[in-house]
Amino acid sequence: MTFLDKDYWTERYSLGKTGWDIGFASPPLVQYLDQIENKDIQVLIPGAGSGYEAVYARKSGFSKFHVLDFSGEPLDRFKAANPEFPQGHVHHEDFFVHRGKYDLILEQTFFCALDPNLRRDYALKMLSLLNPGGKLVGVWFDREFDFDGPPFGGNANEYKVLFEKYFEVKECSPCYNSIPERMGSEVFMILVNSKI
């Protein structure tokens, strides 16, 4: 779908049409990060947008946090607002060509922004970016939308069928700490790269 290219996303940011941007770090991801003792792990947030989770993580002691976005617009804003954030950890790049190895990748409104035809590619790319034992963790919409996306919806059963082909599904349950506007419409998942 050509309308989902980087120009599409840059225009959305330029016009302030960013309904996915909640203005702060996502509570489910914050709570998950708070439970991690080893702050030295390599972490990536694809489709990071404003990067609130990365700012929170850095303040919490994580030193190897990376943000990636297709559009330079939010990344320029992120760098201007966070000049102390390592520039080498800010990637203006297509997720599907990004190279790196991570212990944790966080999902927050990235999957739902992609054309549903790319979901298998998403799973395979995530697997290739994760170290053995690495985790893909975050929230996915557990609902359908009555308009053409993005966002594109889905449901927990559909995600299980997709991801269990590539990952060990450690958790797939209703998200109990979503923001009020999304309460009851998100699923929290922990997917592990169990390939050795």
Protein backbone atom coordinates (compact mmCIF):
# COMPACT_ATOMS: atom_id res chain seq x y z
CA MET A 1 0.00 0.00 0.00
CA THR A 2 1.68 3.17 -1.16
CA PHE A 3 -0.36 5.42 1.14
CA LEU A 4 1.46 3.95 4.13
CA ASP A 5 4.88 5.09 2.97
CA LYS A 6 7.05 7.46 4.98
CA ASP A 7 5.47 10.51 3.34
CA TYR A 8 2.08 9.40 4.64
CA TRP A 9 3.37 9.19 8.22
CA THR A 10 5.34 12.44 7.95
CA GLU A 11 2.18 14.22 6.81
CA ARG A 12 0.22 12.76 9.73
CA TYR A 13 2.82 14.11 12.17
CA SER A 14 3.03 17.48 10.40
CA LEU A 15 -0.75 17.91 10.55
CA GLY A 16 -0.98 16.70 14.14
CA LYS A 17 -3.16 13.74 13.12
CA THR A 18 -1.54 11.42 15.63
CA GLY A 19 -4.32 9.69 17.50
CA TRP A 20 -1.95 6.91 18.53
CA ASP A 21 0.26 9.40 20.42
CA ILE A 22 -1.07 9.34 23.98
CA GLY A 23 1.42 11.96 25.21
CA PHE A 24 3.22 9.76 27.75
CA ALA A 25 4.78 6.33 28.11
CA SER A 26 2.29 3.49 27.73
CA PRO A 27 1.34 2.15 31.22
CA PRO A 28 1.59 -1.55 30.23
CA LEU A 29 5.10 -1.01 28.87
CA VAL A 30 6.14 1.10 31.86
CA GLN A 31 5.00 -1.61 34.25
CA TYR A 32 6.85 -4.24 32.25
CA LEU A 33 10.06 -2.18 32.12
CA ASP A 34 9.86 -1.60 35.89
CA GLN A 35 10.13 -5.36 36.43
CA ILE A 36 13.39 -5.73 34.49
CA GLU A 37 16.43 -5.89 36.73
CA ASN A 38 19.13 -6.02 34.03
CA LYS A 39 19.20 -2.48 32.62
CA ASP A 40 22.09 -3.36 30.31
CA ILE A 41 20.00 -5.22 27.73
CA GLN A 42 19.65 -4.08 24.12
CA VAL A 43 16.11 -2.78 23.51
CA LEU A 44 14.34 -1.56 20.37
CA ILE A 45 11.06 0.30 19.87
CA PRO A 46 10.06 0.18 16.18
CA GLY A 47 7.60 2.80 15.02
CA ALA A 48 8.65 4.71 18.13
CA GLY A 49 7.10 8.04 17.16
CA SER A 50 7.61 10.43 20.07
CA GLY A 51 9.57 7.81 22.01
CA TYR A 52 8.02 8.35 25.43
CA GLU A 53 8.91 4.82 26.52
CA ALA A 54 12.55 5.35 25.55
CA VAL A 55 12.72 8.56 27.61
CA TYR A 56 11.16 6.78 30.57
CA ALA A 57 13.54 3.83 30.21
CA ARG A 58 16.62 6.04 30.04
CA LYS A 59 15.57 7.84 33.20
CA SER A 60 15.07 4.41 34.79
CA GLY A 61 18.66 3.38 34.08
CA PHE A 62 18.45 1.60 30.72
CA SER A 63 21.47 2.58 28.61
CA LYS A 64 21.02 0.59 25.39
CA PHE A 65 17.60 1.70 24.24
CA HIS A 66 17.04 2.24 20.51
CA VAL A 67 14.17 3.99 18.74
CA LEU A 68 13.28 3.52 15.09
CA ASP A 69 10.79 5.26 12.85
CA PHE A 70 10.00 5.43 9.14
CA SER A 71 9.35 9.18 9.38
CA GLY A 72 12.03 11.68 10.29
CA GLU A 73 9.48 14.17 11.66
CA PRO A 74 8.91 12.56 15.09
CA LEU A 75 12.56 11.57 15.36
CA ASP A 76 13.69 15.17 14.80
CA ARG A 77 11.32 16.27 17.56
CA PHE A 78 12.54 13.45 19.79
CA LYS A 79 16.20 14.43 19.30
CA ALA A 80 15.45 18.10 19.93
CA ALA A 81 13.58 17.30 23.14
CA ASN A 82 16.15 14.73 24.31
CA PRO A 83 19.61 15.96 23.28
CA GLU A 84 21.26 13.64 25.81
CA PHE A 85 19.84 10.54 24.09
CA PRO A 86 22.62 8.79 22.10
CA GLN A 87 22.23 9.84 18.45
CA GLY A 88 23.48 6.43 17.32
CA HIS A 89 20.45 4.88 19.01
CA VAL A 90 17.99 6.91 16.91
CA HIS A 91 17.27 5.11 13.63
CA HIS A 92 15.45 6.87 10.77
CA GLU A 93 14.83 3.72 8.80
CA ASP A 94 12.39 1.22 7.39
CA PHE A 95 11.87 -1.46 10.03
CA PHE A 96 12.06 -4.20 7.42
CA VAL A 97 15.62 -3.27 6.38
CA HIS A 98 16.91 -2.50 9.89
CA ARG A 99 19.76 -4.64 11.16
CA GLY A 100 20.64 -5.27 14.75
CA LYS A 101 20.30 -7.75 17.58
CA TYR A 102 18.15 -7.09 20.59
CA ASP A 103 17.20 -8.75 23.85
CA LEU A 104 13.83 -7.00 23.95
CA ILE A 105 11.61 -5.34 21.37
CA LEU A 106 8.60 -3.35 22.55
CA GLU A 107 5.35 -3.21 20.57
CA GLN A 108 3.18 -0.13 20.91
CA THR A 109 0.88 0.86 18.01
CA PHE A 110 3.39 -0.30 15.37
CA PHE A 111 1.80 -3.60 14.33
CA CYS A 112 -1.61 -1.96 13.85
CA ALA A 113 -0.07 0.69 11.56
CA LEU A 114 1.14 -1.90 9.06
CA ASP A 115 -0.81 -3.27 6.14
CA PRO A 116 -2.25 -6.59 7.42
CA ASN A 117 -0.61 -8.32 4.46
CA LEU A 118 2.72 -7.64 6.18
CA ARG A 119 1.93 -9.44 9.43
CA ARG A 120 3.85 -12.60 8.58
CA ASP A 121 6.80 -10.43 7.43
CA TYR A 122 6.55 -8.53 10.72
CA ALA A 123 6.79 -11.77 12.71
CA LEU A 124 9.76 -13.04 10.70
CA LYS A 125 11.60 -9.71 10.93
CA MET A 126 11.03 -9.52 14.68
CA LEU A 127 12.42 -13.03 15.02
CA SER A 128 15.52 -12.09 13.02
CA LEU A 129 16.18 -9.05 15.22
CA LEU A 130 15.89 -10.90 18.53
CA ASN A 131 18.74 -12.73 20.20
CA PRO A 132 18.00 -16.33 21.28
CA GLY A 133 15.76 -16.01 24.32
CA GLY A 134 14.92 -12.43 23.35
CA LYS A 135 11.37 -11.18 23.80
CA LEU A 136 8.82 -9.24 21.80
CA VAL A 137 6.55 -7.62 24.39
CA GLY A 138 3.72 -5.17 24.23
CA VAL A 139 0.11 -4.45 23.40
CA TRP A 140 -1.90 -5.26 20.30
CA PHE A 141 -5.46 -4.16 19.49
CA ASP A 142 -8.01 -6.83 20.36
CA ARG A 143 -10.80 -5.34 18.26
CA GLU A 144 -11.84 -4.60 14.71
CA PHE A 145 -12.40 -1.10 13.34
CA ASP A 146 -15.31 0.03 11.18
CA PHE A 147 -13.07 1.95 8.77
CA ASP A 148 -10.10 1.26 6.56
CA GLY A 149 -6.97 1.56 8.66
CA PRO A 150 -4.59 2.46 9.96
CA PRO A 151 -5.05 1.43 12.65
CA PHE A 152 -5.83 -2.10 11.53
CA GLY A 153 -7.50 -4.34 14.06
CA GLY A 154 -7.28 -7.99 14.96
CA ASN A 155 -7.90 -10.38 17.82
CA ALA A 156 -6.01 -12.53 20.29
CA ASN A 157 -6.81 -15.83 18.57
CA GLU A 158 -5.59 -14.53 15.24
CA TYR A 159 -2.35 -13.34 16.84
CA LYS A 160 -1.77 -16.67 18.57
CA VAL A 161 -2.13 -18.52 15.27
CA LEU A 162 0.32 -16.14 13.63
CA PHE A 163 2.97 -15.91 16.31
CA GLU A 164 3.07 -19.45 17.65
CA LYS A 165 4.57 -20.50 14.31
CA TYR A 166 7.69 -18.49 15.14
CA PHE A 167 7.73 -17.76 18.87
CA GLU A 168 6.96 -19.34 22.18
CA VAL A 169 3.82 -17.48 23.29
CA LYS A 170 4.50 -16.94 27.00
CA GLU A 171 1.52 -14.67 27.56
CA CYS A 172 -1.48 -13.56 25.56
CA SER A 173 -4.13 -12.07 27.80
CA PRO A 174 -6.47 -9.08 28.04
CA CYS A 175 -4.49 -5.98 28.98
CA TYR A 176 -5.66 -4.86 32.43
CA ASN A 177 -3.70 -1.59 32.58
CA SER A 178 -4.51 0.01 29.23
CA ILE A 179 -5.22 3.71 29.06
CA PRO A 180 -8.95 4.38 29.68
CA GLU A 181 -9.68 5.02 25.99
CA ARG A 182 -8.37 1.56 25.07
CA MET A 183 -9.53 -0.40 28.10
CA GLY A 184 -11.05 -3.71 27.03
CA SER A 185 -9.69 -3.47 23.50
CA GLU A 186 -6.05 -4.51 23.91
CA VAL A 187 -4.20 -7.75 24.46
CA PHE A 188 -0.83 -7.94 26.22
CA MET A 189 1.63 -10.44 24.81
CA ILE A 190 5.07 -11.78 25.64
CA LEU A 191 6.60 -13.67 22.72
CA VAL A 192 9.97 -15.42 23.13
CA ASN A 193 12.51 -16.31 20.47
CA SER A 194 13.02 -19.90 21.55
CA LYS A 195 15.13 -20.77 18.50
CA ILE A 196 18.69 -21.69 19.45
